PDB file of N, CA and C in Angstrom:
ATOM      1  N   UNK A   1     -17.747  -9.503 -16.312  1.00  0.00           N
ATOM      2  CA  UNK A   1     -18.628  -8.993 -15.176  1.00  0.00           C
ATOM      3  C   UNK A   1     -17.788  -9.320 -13.710  1.00  0.00           C
ATOM      4  N   UNK A   2     -17.843  -8.356 -12.869  1.00  0.00           N
ATOM      5  CA  UNK A   2     -16.992  -8.689 -11.954  1.00  0.00           C
ATOM      6  C   UNK A   2     -17.313  -9.697 -10.874  1.00  0.00           C
ATOM      7  N   UNK A   3     -16.523 -10.646 -10.194  1.00  0.00           N
ATOM      8  CA  UNK A   3     -16.464 -11.709  -9.510  1.00  0.00           C
ATOM      9  C   UNK A   3     -16.365 -11.023  -7.804  1.00  0.00           C
ATOM     10  N   UNK A   4     -17.369 -11.172  -7.178  1.00  0.00           N
ATOM     11  CA  UNK A   4     -17.287 -10.602  -5.869  1.00  0.00           C
ATOM     12  C   UNK A   4     -17.129 -11.708  -4.755  1.00  0.00           C
ATOM     13  N   UNK A   5     -15.880 -11.774  -4.512  1.00  0.00           N
ATOM     14  CA  UNK A   5     -15.265 -12.766  -3.369  1.00  0.00           C
ATOM     15  C   UNK A   5     -15.293 -12.409  -1.970  1.00  0.00           C
ATOM     16  N   UNK A   6     -15.989 -11.111  -1.734  1.00  0.00           N
ATOM     17  CA  UNK A   6     -15.751 -10.280  -0.515  1.00  0.00           C
ATOM     18  C   UNK A   6     -16.341 -11.238   0.795  1.00  0.00           C
ATOM     19  N   UNK A   7     -17.595 -11.893   0.315  1.00  0.00           N
ATOM     20  CA  UNK A   7     -18.181 -12.779   1.218  1.00  0.00           C
ATOM     21  C   UNK A   7     -17.472 -14.046   1.858  1.00  0.00           C
ATOM     22  N   UNK A   8     -16.393 -14.458   1.092  1.00  0.00           N
ATOM     23  CA  UNK A   8     -15.521 -15.598   1.280  1.00  0.00           C
ATOM     24  C   UNK A   8     -15.125 -15.449   2.646  1.00  0.00           C
ATOM     25  N   UNK A   9     -15.476 -16.430   3.659  1.00  0.00           N
ATOM     26  CA  UNK A   9     -14.880 -16.370   4.997  1.00  0.00           C
ATOM     27  C   UNK A   9     -14.677 -17.528   5.834  1.00  0.00           C
ATOM     28  N   UNK A  10     -14.678 -18.805   4.834  1.00  0.00           N
ATOM     29  CA  UNK A  10     -14.180 -19.945   5.242  1.00  0.00           C
ATOM     30  C   UNK A  10     -13.187 -20.416   4.406  1.00  0.00           C
ATOM     31  N   UNK A  11     -12.128 -20.703   5.137  1.00  0.00           N
ATOM     32  CA  UNK A  11     -10.998 -21.186   3.935  1.00  0.00           C
ATOM     33  C   UNK A  11     -10.312 -22.372   4.519  1.00  0.00           C
ATOM     34  N   UNK A  12      -9.904 -22.944   3.353  1.00  0.00           N
ATOM     35  CA  UNK A  12      -9.517 -22.773   2.033  1.00  0.00           C
ATOM     36  C   UNK A  12     -10.845 -22.511   1.229  1.00  0.00           C
ATOM     37  N   UNK A  13     -10.756 -21.596   0.359  1.00  0.00           N
ATOM     38  CA  UNK A  13     -12.152 -21.304  -0.527  1.00  0.00           C
ATOM     39  C   UNK A  13     -11.650 -21.243  -1.875  1.00  0.00           C
ATOM     40  N   UNK A  14     -12.491 -21.935  -2.468  1.00  0.00           N
ATOM     41  CA  UNK A  14     -12.160 -22.129  -4.092  1.00  0.00           C
ATOM     42  C   UNK A  14     -13.244 -21.562  -5.148  1.00  0.00           C
ATOM     43  N   UNK A  15     -13.004 -21.321  -6.266  1.00  0.00           N
ATOM     44  CA  UNK A  15     -13.860 -20.487  -7.105  1.00  0.00           C
ATOM     45  C   UNK A  15     -13.463 -20.797  -8.594  1.00  0.00           C
ATOM     46  N   UNK A  16     -14.171 -21.269  -9.430  1.00  0.00           N
ATOM     47  CA  UNK A  16     -13.948 -21.338 -10.898  1.00  0.00           C
ATOM     48  C   UNK A  16     -14.574 -20.393 -11.531  1.00  0.00           C
ATOM     49  N   UNK A  17     -14.167 -19.560 -12.367  1.00  0.00           N
ATOM     50  CA  UNK A  17     -15.026 -18.489 -13.228  1.00  0.00           C
ATOM     51  C   UNK A  17     -14.394 -18.608 -14.658  1.00  0.00           C
ATOM     52  N   UNK A  18     -15.483 -18.328 -15.553  1.00  0.00           N
ATOM     53  CA  UNK A  18     -15.076 -18.458 -16.996  1.00  0.00           C
ATOM     54  C   UNK A  18     -14.992 -16.895 -17.404  1.00  0.00           C
ATOM     55  N   UNK A  19     -13.738 -16.617 -17.774  1.00  0.00           N
ATOM     56  CA  UNK A  19     -13.554 -15.250 -18.236  1.00  0.00           C
ATOM     57  C   UNK A  19     -14.474 -15.000 -19.584  1.00  0.00           C
ATOM     58  N   UNK A  20     -14.444 -13.483 -19.780  1.00  0.00           N
ATOM     59  CA  UNK A  20     -15.116 -13.297 -21.104  1.00  0.00           C
ATOM     60  C   UNK A  20     -14.203 -13.088 -22.133  1.00  0.00           C
ATOM     61  N   UNK A  21     -14.203 -12.020 -23.028  1.00  0.00           N
ATOM     62  CA  UNK A  21     -13.519 -11.749 -24.131  1.00  0.00           C
ATOM     63  C   UNK A  21     -11.979 -11.678 -23.811  1.00  0.00           C
ATOM     64  N   UNK A  22     -11.032 -12.288 -24.640  1.00  0.00           N
ATOM     65  CA  UNK A  22      -9.940 -12.317 -24.518  1.00  0.00           C
ATOM     66  C   UNK A  22      -9.118 -10.885 -24.495  1.00  0.00           C
ATOM     67  N   UNK A  23      -8.354 -10.398 -23.633  1.00  0.00           N
ATOM     68  CA  UNK A  23      -7.765  -9.192 -23.601  1.00  0.00           C
ATOM     69  C   UNK A  23      -8.350  -8.181 -22.463  1.00  0.00           C
ATOM     70  N   UNK A  24      -9.871  -8.532 -22.202  1.00  0.00           N
ATOM     71  CA  UNK A  24     -10.571  -7.629 -21.347  1.00  0.00           C
ATOM     72  C   UNK A  24     -10.617  -8.178 -19.982  1.00  0.00           C
ATOM     73  N   UNK A  25     -10.477  -7.322 -19.025  1.00  0.00           N
ATOM     74  CA  UNK A  25     -10.320  -7.996 -17.654  1.00  0.00           C
ATOM     75  C   UNK A  25     -11.763  -8.087 -17.018  1.00  0.00           C
ATOM     76  N   UNK A  26     -11.529  -9.233 -16.017  1.00  0.00           N
ATOM     77  CA  UNK A  26     -12.695  -9.277 -15.140  1.00  0.00           C
ATOM     78  C   UNK A  26     -12.143  -9.061 -13.840  1.00  0.00           C
ATOM     79  N   UNK A  27     -12.861  -8.143 -13.034  1.00  0.00           N
ATOM     80  CA  UNK A  27     -12.447  -7.689 -11.798  1.00  0.00           C
ATOM     81  C   UNK A  27     -12.677  -8.934 -10.716  1.00  0.00           C
ATOM     82  N   UNK A  28     -11.716  -9.182  -9.811  1.00  0.00           N
ATOM     83  CA  UNK A  28     -11.984 -10.147  -9.007  1.00  0.00           C
ATOM     84  C   UNK A  28     -11.962  -9.492  -7.330  1.00  0.00           C
ATOM     85  N   UNK A  29     -13.095  -9.102  -6.854  1.00  0.00           N
ATOM     86  CA  UNK A  29     -13.161  -8.614  -5.597  1.00  0.00           C
ATOM     87  C   UNK A  29     -12.782  -9.357  -4.313  1.00  0.00           C
ATOM     88  N   UNK A  30     -11.835  -8.864  -3.768  1.00  0.00           N
ATOM     89  CA  UNK A  30     -11.583  -9.516  -2.272  1.00  0.00           C
ATOM     90  C   UNK A  30     -11.821  -8.764  -1.045  1.00  0.00           C
ATOM     91  N   UNK A  31     -12.097  -9.262   0.175  1.00  0.00           N
ATOM     92  CA  UNK A  31     -12.188  -8.776   1.294  1.00  0.00           C
ATOM     93  C   UNK A  31     -10.714  -8.857   1.808  1.00  0.00           C
ATOM     94  N   UNK A  32     -10.514  -8.429   3.082  1.00  0.00           N
ATOM     95  CA  UNK A  32      -9.489  -8.210   3.835  1.00  0.00           C
ATOM     96  C   UNK A  32      -8.913  -9.524   4.418  1.00  0.00           C
ATOM     97  N   UNK A  33      -9.830 -10.549   4.403  1.00  0.00           N
ATOM     98  CA  UNK A  33      -9.683 -11.665   5.228  1.00  0.00           C
ATOM     99  C   UNK A  33      -8.664 -12.895   4.561  1.00  0.00           C
ATOM    100  N   UNK A  34      -8.464 -13.073   3.234  1.00  0.00           N
ATOM    101  CA  UNK A  34      -7.436 -14.317   2.889  1.00  0.00           C
ATOM    102  C   UNK A  34      -6.145 -13.533   2.952  1.00  0.00           C
ATOM    103  N   UNK A  35      -5.134 -14.313   3.219  1.00  0.00           N
ATOM    104  CA  UNK A  35      -3.656 -13.923   3.160  1.00  0.00           C
ATOM    105  C   UNK A  35      -2.983 -14.300   2.112  1.00  0.00           C
ATOM    106  N   UNK A  36      -3.573 -15.234   1.294  1.00  0.00           N
ATOM    107  CA  UNK A  36      -2.843 -15.857   0.052  1.00  0.00           C
ATOM    108  C   UNK A  36      -3.865 -16.277  -0.763  1.00  0.00           C
ATOM    109  N   UNK A  37      -3.759 -16.017  -2.317  1.00  0.00           N
ATOM    110  CA  UNK A  37      -4.559 -16.147  -3.427  1.00  0.00           C
ATOM    111  C   UNK A  37      -3.611 -16.948  -4.380  1.00  0.00           C
ATOM    112  N   UNK A  38      -4.210 -17.848  -4.962  1.00  0.00           N
ATOM    113  CA  UNK A  38      -3.760 -18.670  -6.042  1.00  0.00           C
ATOM    114  C   UNK A  38      -4.776 -18.738  -7.239  1.00  0.00           C
ATOM    115  N   UNK A  39      -4.097 -18.450  -8.620  1.00  0.00           N
ATOM    116  CA  UNK A  39      -4.538 -18.326  -9.589  1.00  0.00           C
ATOM    117  C   UNK A  39      -4.215 -19.419 -10.754  1.00  0.00           C
ATOM    118  N   UNK A  40      -5.023 -19.994 -11.235  1.00  0.00           N
ATOM    119  CA  UNK A  40      -4.680 -21.057 -12.213  1.00  0.00           C
ATOM    120  C   UNK A  40      -5.483 -21.020 -13.456  1.00  0.00           C
ATOM    121  N   UNK A  41      -4.871 -20.772 -14.492  1.00  0.00           N
ATOM    122  CA  UNK A  41      -5.608 -20.908 -15.876  1.00  0.00           C
ATOM    123  C   UNK A  41      -5.699 -22.029 -16.510  1.00  0.00           C
ATOM    124  N   UNK A  42      -6.676 -22.545 -16.799  1.00  0.00           N
ATOM    125  CA  UNK A  42      -6.967 -23.912 -17.377  1.00  0.00           C
ATOM    126  C   UNK A  42      -6.944 -23.648 -19.015  1.00  0.00           C
ATOM    127  N   UNK A  43      -6.290 -24.517 -19.563  1.00  0.00           N
ATOM    128  CA  UNK A  43      -5.926 -24.388 -21.100  1.00  0.00           C
ATOM    129  C   UNK A  43      -5.178 -23.464 -21.780  1.00  0.00           C
ATOM    130  N   UNK A  44      -5.742 -22.272 -21.593  1.00  0.00           N
ATOM    131  CA  UNK A  44      -5.063 -21.163 -22.044  1.00  0.00           C
ATOM    132  C   UNK A  44      -4.091 -20.137 -21.002  1.00  0.00           C
ATOM    133  N   UNK A  45      -3.060 -19.513 -21.645  1.00  0.00           N
ATOM    134  CA  UNK A  45      -2.502 -18.721 -20.773  1.00  0.00           C
ATOM    135  C   UNK A  45      -3.374 -17.454 -20.283  1.00  0.00           C
ATOM    136  N   UNK A  46      -3.078 -16.815 -19.289  1.00  0.00           N
ATOM    137  CA  UNK A  46      -3.673 -15.639 -18.882  1.00  0.00           C
ATOM    138  C   UNK A  46      -2.776 -14.406 -18.341  1.00  0.00           C
ATOM    139  N   UNK A  47      -3.252 -13.445 -17.697  1.00  0.00           N
ATOM    140  CA  UNK A  47      -2.614 -12.167 -17.382  1.00  0.00           C
ATOM    141  C   UNK A  47      -3.477 -11.711 -16.085  1.00  0.00           C
ATOM    142  N   UNK A  48      -2.627 -11.304 -14.940  1.00  0.00           N
ATOM    143  CA  UNK A  48      -3.275 -10.744 -13.885  1.00  0.00           C
ATOM    144  C   UNK A  48      -2.702  -9.525 -13.749  1.00  0.00           C
ATOM    145  N   UNK A  49      -3.514  -8.294 -13.164  1.00  0.00           N
ATOM    146  CA  UNK A  49      -2.898  -6.916 -12.758  1.00  0.00           C
ATOM    147  C   UNK A  49      -3.681  -6.836 -11.659  1.00  0.00           C
ATOM    148  N   UNK A  50      -3.034  -5.586 -10.991  1.00  0.00           N
ATOM    149  CA  UNK A  50      -3.448  -5.196  -9.752  1.00  0.00           C
ATOM    150  C   UNK A  50      -4.198  -3.832 -10.081  1.00  0.00           C
ATOM    151  N   UNK A  51      -4.443  -3.538 -11.278  1.00  0.00           N
ATOM    152  CA  UNK A  51      -5.375  -2.466 -11.376  1.00  0.00           C
ATOM    153  C   UNK A  51      -5.925  -2.442 -12.946  1.00  0.00           C
ATOM    154  N   UNK A  52      -7.117  -1.880 -13.002  1.00  0.00           N
ATOM    155  CA  UNK A  52      -7.859  -2.004 -14.130  1.00  0.00           C
ATOM    156  C   UNK A  52      -9.196  -1.500 -14.004  1.00  0.00           C
ATOM    157  N   UNK A  53     -10.030  -1.592 -14.796  1.00  0.00           N
ATOM    158  CA  UNK A  53     -11.471  -1.630 -15.026  1.00  0.00           C
ATOM    159  C   UNK A  53     -12.232  -2.728 -15.319  1.00  0.00           C
ATOM    160  N   UNK A  54     -13.310  -3.320 -14.750  1.00  0.00           N
ATOM    161  CA  UNK A  54     -14.063  -4.293 -15.037  1.00  0.00           C
ATOM    162  C   UNK A  54     -14.537  -4.214 -16.718  1.00  0.00           C
ATOM    163  N   UNK A  55     -14.120  -5.020 -17.539  1.00  0.00           N
ATOM    164  CA  UNK A  55     -14.646  -5.128 -18.835  1.00  0.00           C
ATOM    165  C   UNK A  55     -13.889  -4.500 -19.953  1.00  0.00           C
ATOM    166  N   UNK A  56     -12.722  -3.734 -19.302  1.00  0.00           N
ATOM    167  CA  UNK A  56     -12.188  -2.917 -20.251  1.00  0.00           C
ATOM    168  C   UNK A  56     -10.925  -3.877 -20.448  1.00  0.00           C
ATOM    169  N   UNK A  57     -10.015  -3.170 -21.631  1.00  0.00           N
ATOM    170  CA  UNK A  57      -8.729  -3.923 -22.152  1.00  0.00           C
ATOM    171  C   UNK A  57      -7.806  -3.993 -21.035  1.00  0.00           C
ATOM    172  N   UNK A  58      -7.031  -4.715 -20.885  1.00  0.00           N
ATOM    173  CA  UNK A  58      -6.000  -4.936 -19.895  1.00  0.00           C
ATOM    174  C   UNK A  58      -4.831  -3.610 -20.087  1.00  0.00           C
ATOM    175  N   UNK A  59      -4.219  -3.174 -19.218  1.00  0.00           N
ATOM    176  CA  UNK A  59      -3.481  -2.344 -19.345  1.00  0.00           C
ATOM    177  C   UNK A  59      -1.934  -2.784 -19.570  1.00  0.00           C
ATOM    178  N   UNK A  60      -0.922  -1.833 -19.519  1.00  0.00           N
ATOM    179  CA  UNK A  60       0.334  -2.371 -19.488  1.00  0.00           C
ATOM    180  C   UNK A  60       0.984  -3.074 -18.569  1.00  0.00           C
ATOM    181  N   UNK A  61       0.560  -3.035 -17.405  1.00  0.00           N
ATOM    182  CA  UNK A  61       1.113  -3.563 -15.938  1.00  0.00           C
ATOM    183  C   UNK A  61       0.598  -4.591 -15.637  1.00  0.00           C
ATOM    184  N   UNK A  62       1.136  -5.896 -15.997  1.00  0.00           N
ATOM    185  CA  UNK A  62       0.350  -7.309 -15.625  1.00  0.00           C
ATOM    186  C   UNK A  62       1.606  -8.270 -15.403  1.00  0.00           C
ATOM    187  N   UNK A  63       1.275  -9.539 -15.116  1.00  0.00           N
ATOM    188  CA  UNK A  63       2.049 -10.486 -15.197  1.00  0.00           C
ATOM    189  C   UNK A  63       1.474 -11.825 -15.699  1.00  0.00           C
ATOM    190  N   UNK A  64       2.243 -12.401 -16.652  1.00  0.00           N
ATOM    191  CA  UNK A  64       1.597 -13.444 -17.428  1.00  0.00           C
ATOM    192  C   UNK A  64       1.556 -14.831 -16.473  1.00  0.00           C
ATOM    193  N   UNK A  65       0.756 -15.433 -16.540  1.00  0.00           N
ATOM    194  CA  UNK A  65       0.609 -16.998 -15.922  1.00  0.00           C
ATOM    195  C   UNK A  65       0.305 -18.022 -16.914  1.00  0.00           C
ATOM    196  N   UNK A  66       1.110 -19.017 -16.823  1.00  0.00           N
ATOM    197  CA  UNK A  66       1.085 -20.093 -18.027  1.00  0.00           C
ATOM    198  C   UNK A  66      -0.027 -21.006 -17.685  1.00  0.00           C
ATOM    199  N   UNK A  67      -0.637 -21.367 -18.665  1.00  0.00           N
ATOM    200  CA  UNK A  67      -2.024 -22.422 -18.371  1.00  0.00           C
ATOM    201  C   UNK A  67      -1.379 -23.507 -17.680  1.00  0.00           C
ATOM    202  N   UNK A  68      -2.261 -23.939 -16.538  1.00  0.00           N
ATOM    203  CA  UNK A  68      -1.928 -25.223 -16.047  1.00  0.00           C
ATOM    204  C   UNK A  68      -0.736 -24.921 -14.756  1.00  0.00           C
ATOM    205  N   UNK A  69      -0.102 -23.845 -14.798  1.00  0.00           N
ATOM    206  CA  UNK A  69       0.767 -23.471 -13.668  1.00  0.00           C
ATOM    207  C   UNK A  69       0.382 -22.496 -12.705  1.00  0.00           C
ATOM    208  N   UNK A  70       0.062 -22.983 -11.547  1.00  0.00           N
ATOM    209  CA  UNK A  70      -0.629 -22.053 -10.509  1.00  0.00           C
ATOM    210  C   UNK A  70       0.363 -20.866 -10.111  1.00  0.00           C
ATOM    211  N   UNK A  71      -0.201 -19.739  -9.972  1.00  0.00           N
ATOM    212  CA  UNK A  71       0.499 -18.717  -9.564  1.00  0.00           C
ATOM    213  C   UNK A  71       0.126 -18.254  -8.130  1.00  0.00           C
ATOM    214  N   UNK A  72       0.860 -18.417  -7.028  1.00  0.00           N
ATOM    215  CA  UNK A  72       0.294 -17.893  -5.739  1.00  0.00           C
ATOM    216  C   UNK A  72       1.047 -16.498  -5.272  1.00  0.00           C
ATOM    217  N   UNK A  73       0.122 -15.753  -4.795  1.00  0.00           N
ATOM    218  CA  UNK A  73       0.527 -14.406  -4.440  1.00  0.00           C
ATOM    219  C   UNK A  73       0.185 -14.257  -2.949  1.00  0.00           C
ATOM    220  N   UNK A  74       1.276 -13.870  -2.234  1.00  0.00           N
ATOM    221  CA  UNK A  74       0.994 -13.982  -0.958  1.00  0.00           C
ATOM    222  C   UNK A  74       0.464 -12.357  -0.511  1.00  0.00           C
ATOM    223  N   UNK A  75      -0.592 -12.416  -0.074  1.00  0.00           N
ATOM    224  CA  UNK A  75      -1.280 -10.914   0.423  1.00  0.00           C
ATOM    225  C   UNK A  75      -0.715 -10.437   1.579  1.00  0.00           C
ATOM    226  N   UNK A  76      -0.402 -10.999   2.583  1.00  0.00           N
ATOM    227  CA  UNK A  76       0.191 -10.767   4.067  1.00  0.00           C
ATOM    228  C   UNK A  76      -0.983 -10.688   4.798  1.00  0.00           C
ATOM    229  N   UNK A  77      -0.609 -10.589   6.118  1.00  0.00           N
ATOM    230  CA  UNK A  77      -1.739 -10.662   7.090  1.00  0.00           C
ATOM    231  C   UNK A  77      -2.197  -9.360   7.510  1.00  0.00           C
ATOM    232  N   UNK A  78      -1.497  -8.123   6.813  1.00  0.00           N
ATOM    233  CA  UNK A  78      -2.277  -6.793   6.992  1.00  0.00           C
ATOM    234  C   UNK A  78      -2.855  -6.359   5.618  1.00  0.00           C
ATOM    235  N   UNK A  79      -3.402  -7.396   4.688  1.00  0.00           N
ATOM    236  CA  UNK A  79      -4.143  -7.096   3.738  1.00  0.00           C
ATOM    237  C   UNK A  79      -5.404  -6.635   4.040  1.00  0.00           C
ATOM    238  N   UNK A  80      -5.925  -5.692   3.264  1.00  0.00           N
ATOM    239  CA  UNK A  80      -7.070  -4.717   3.891  1.00  0.00           C
ATOM    240  C   UNK A  80      -8.153  -5.049   2.857  1.00  0.00           C
ATOM    241  N   UNK A  81      -8.119  -5.653   1.746  1.00  0.00           N
ATOM    242  CA  UNK A  81      -8.933  -5.959   0.445  1.00  0.00           C
ATOM    243  C   UNK A  81      -8.802  -5.290  -0.775  1.00  0.00           C
ATOM    244  N   UNK A  82      -9.293  -5.359  -1.934  1.00  0.00           N
ATOM    245  CA  UNK A  82      -9.085  -4.819  -2.933  1.00  0.00           C
ATOM    246  C   UNK A  82      -9.434  -5.876  -4.016  1.00  0.00           C
ATOM    247  N   UNK A  83      -8.933  -5.400  -5.314  1.00  0.00           N
ATOM    248  CA  UNK A  83      -9.258  -6.092  -6.492  1.00  0.00           C
ATOM    249  C   UNK A  83      -7.892  -6.428  -7.148  1.00  0.00           C
ATOM    250  N   UNK A  84      -8.081  -7.878  -7.964  1.00  0.00           N
ATOM    251  CA  UNK A  84      -7.099  -8.110  -8.899  1.00  0.00           C
ATOM    252  C   UNK A  84      -7.950  -8.121 -10.473  1.00  0.00           C
ATOM    253  N   UNK A  85      -7.284  -8.181 -11.447  1.00  0.00           N
ATOM    254  CA  UNK A  85      -7.840  -7.991 -12.716  1.00  0.00           C
ATOM    255  C   UNK A  85      -7.268  -9.122 -13.577  1.00  0.00           C
ATOM    256  N   UNK A  86      -8.257 -10.031 -14.263  1.00  0.00           N
ATOM    257  CA  UNK A  86      -7.861 -11.299 -14.932  1.00  0.00           C
ATOM    258  C   UNK A  86      -8.392 -11.126 -16.338  1.00  0.00           C
ATOM    259  N   UNK A  87      -7.442 -11.632 -17.187  1.00  0.00           N
ATOM    260  CA  UNK A  87      -7.758 -11.698 -18.510  1.00  0.00           C
ATOM    261  C   UNK A  87      -7.188 -13.001 -19.114  1.00  0.00           C
ATOM    262  N   UNK A  88      -7.553 -13.575 -20.249  1.00  0.00           N
ATOM    263  CA  UNK A  88      -6.792 -14.828 -20.890  1.00  0.00           C
ATOM    264  C   UNK A  88      -6.543 -14.574 -22.295  1.00  0.00           C
ATOM    265  N   UNK A  89      -5.758 -15.165 -23.124  1.00  0.00           N
ATOM    266  CA  UNK A  89      -5.355 -15.061 -24.216  1.00  0.00           C
ATOM    267  C   UNK A  89      -6.351 -15.598 -25.202  1.00  0.00           C
ATOM    268  N   UNK A  90      -7.545 -16.188 -24.755  1.00  0.00           N
ATOM    269  CA  UNK A  90      -8.666 -16.926 -25.647  1.00  0.00           C
ATOM    270  C   UNK A  90      -9.811 -16.774 -25.056  1.00  0.00           C
ATOM    271  N   UNK A  91     -11.029 -16.351 -25.686  1.00  0.00           N
ATOM    272  CA  UNK A  91     -12.197 -16.263 -25.111  1.00  0.00           C
ATOM    273  C   UNK A  91     -12.667 -17.386 -24.103  1.00  0.00           C
ATOM    274  N   UNK A  92     -13.453 -17.120 -23.228  1.00  0.00           N
ATOM    275  CA  UNK A  92     -13.998 -17.987 -22.403  1.00  0.00           C
ATOM    276  C   UNK A  92     -13.295 -18.948 -21.656  1.00  0.00           C
ATOM    277  N   UNK A  93     -12.064 -18.501 -21.275  1.00  0.00           N
ATOM    278  CA  UNK A  93     -11.013 -19.336 -20.407  1.00  0.00           C
ATOM    279  C   UNK A  93     -11.553 -19.754 -19.219  1.00  0.00           C
ATOM    280  N   UNK A  94     -11.301 -20.807 -18.581  1.00  0.00           N
ATOM    281  CA  UNK A  94     -11.604 -20.736 -17.165  1.00  0.00           C
ATOM    282  C   UNK A  94     -10.510 -20.426 -16.307  1.00  0.00           C
ATOM    283  N   UNK A  95     -10.636 -19.714 -15.054  1.00  0.00           N
ATOM    284  CA  UNK A  95      -9.603 -19.604 -14.099  1.00  0.00           C
ATOM    285  C   UNK A  95     -10.114 -20.013 -12.736  1.00  0.00           C
ATOM    286  N   UNK A  96      -9.303 -20.840 -12.265  1.00  0.00           N
ATOM    287  CA  UNK A  96      -9.480 -21.205 -10.885  1.00  0.00           C
ATOM    288  C   UNK A  96      -8.731 -20.198  -9.843  1.00  0.00           C
ATOM    289  N   UNK A  97      -9.447 -20.062  -8.667  1.00  0.00           N
ATOM    290  CA  UNK A  97      -9.070 -19.076  -7.829  1.00  0.00           C
ATOM    291  C   UNK A  97      -9.102 -19.654  -6.553  1.00  0.00           C
ATOM    292  N   UNK A  98      -7.947 -19.700  -5.735  1.00  0.00           N
ATOM    293  CA  UNK A  98      -7.965 -20.322  -4.443  1.00  0.00           C
ATOM    294  C   UNK A  98      -7.643 -19.286  -3.402  1.00  0.00           C
ATOM    295  N   UNK A  99      -8.379 -19.207  -2.365  1.00  0.00           N
ATOM    296  CA  UNK A  99      -7.981 -18.313  -1.239  1.00  0.00           C
ATOM    297  C   UNK A  99      -7.560 -19.108  -0.071  1.00  0.00           C
ATOM    298  N   UNK A 100      -6.618 -18.771   0.738  1.00  0.00           N
ATOM    299  CA  UNK A 100      -6.296 -19.082   2.090  1.00  0.00           C
ATOM    300  C   UNK A 100      -5.874 -18.164   2.919  1.00  0.00           C
ATOM    301  N   UNK A 101      -6.303 -18.508   4.405  1.00  0.00           N
ATOM    302  CA  UNK A 101      -5.858 -17.594   5.374  1.00  0.00           C
ATOM    303  C   UNK A 101      -4.938 -18.426   6.301  1.00  0.00           C
ATOM    304  N   UNK A 102      -3.647 -17.894   6.684  1.00  0.00           N
ATOM    305  CA  UNK A 102      -2.721 -18.615   7.336  1.00  0.00           C
ATOM    306  C   UNK A 102      -2.767 -17.854   8.872  1.00  0.00           C
TER     307      UNK A 102
END
C-alpha cells in the first residue's frame, strides 16, 4: 500500500514503514518540498526504483541498498515531487525514510 508523505512540511521528517511481500513495491509519494531523502533498510537488503506500480513486482531498473547502510539521494532544490518505489528481499522488512530540506 502506498505511503503518502506529501503532507510532510517540517524538516527533518522521519517515517518507518513495514514493507509487504518481498519483490513487490510500495510506492512512496513525495511533495516538492524535501531536497534530500535517505533510505535505510533494517535487517534485510532492499531495492529502490524511481518508477513502478504500487503492489506490483519491481522492474529491472533499480538500485540495491544493503541493510543497515543508509542511502542518501539528493533531490535538488528544483524537485517538484513524485514517487519512489521500495521493496525488500524478505517479507515485512522495515524501511526508515528521512526527508530533509536544505
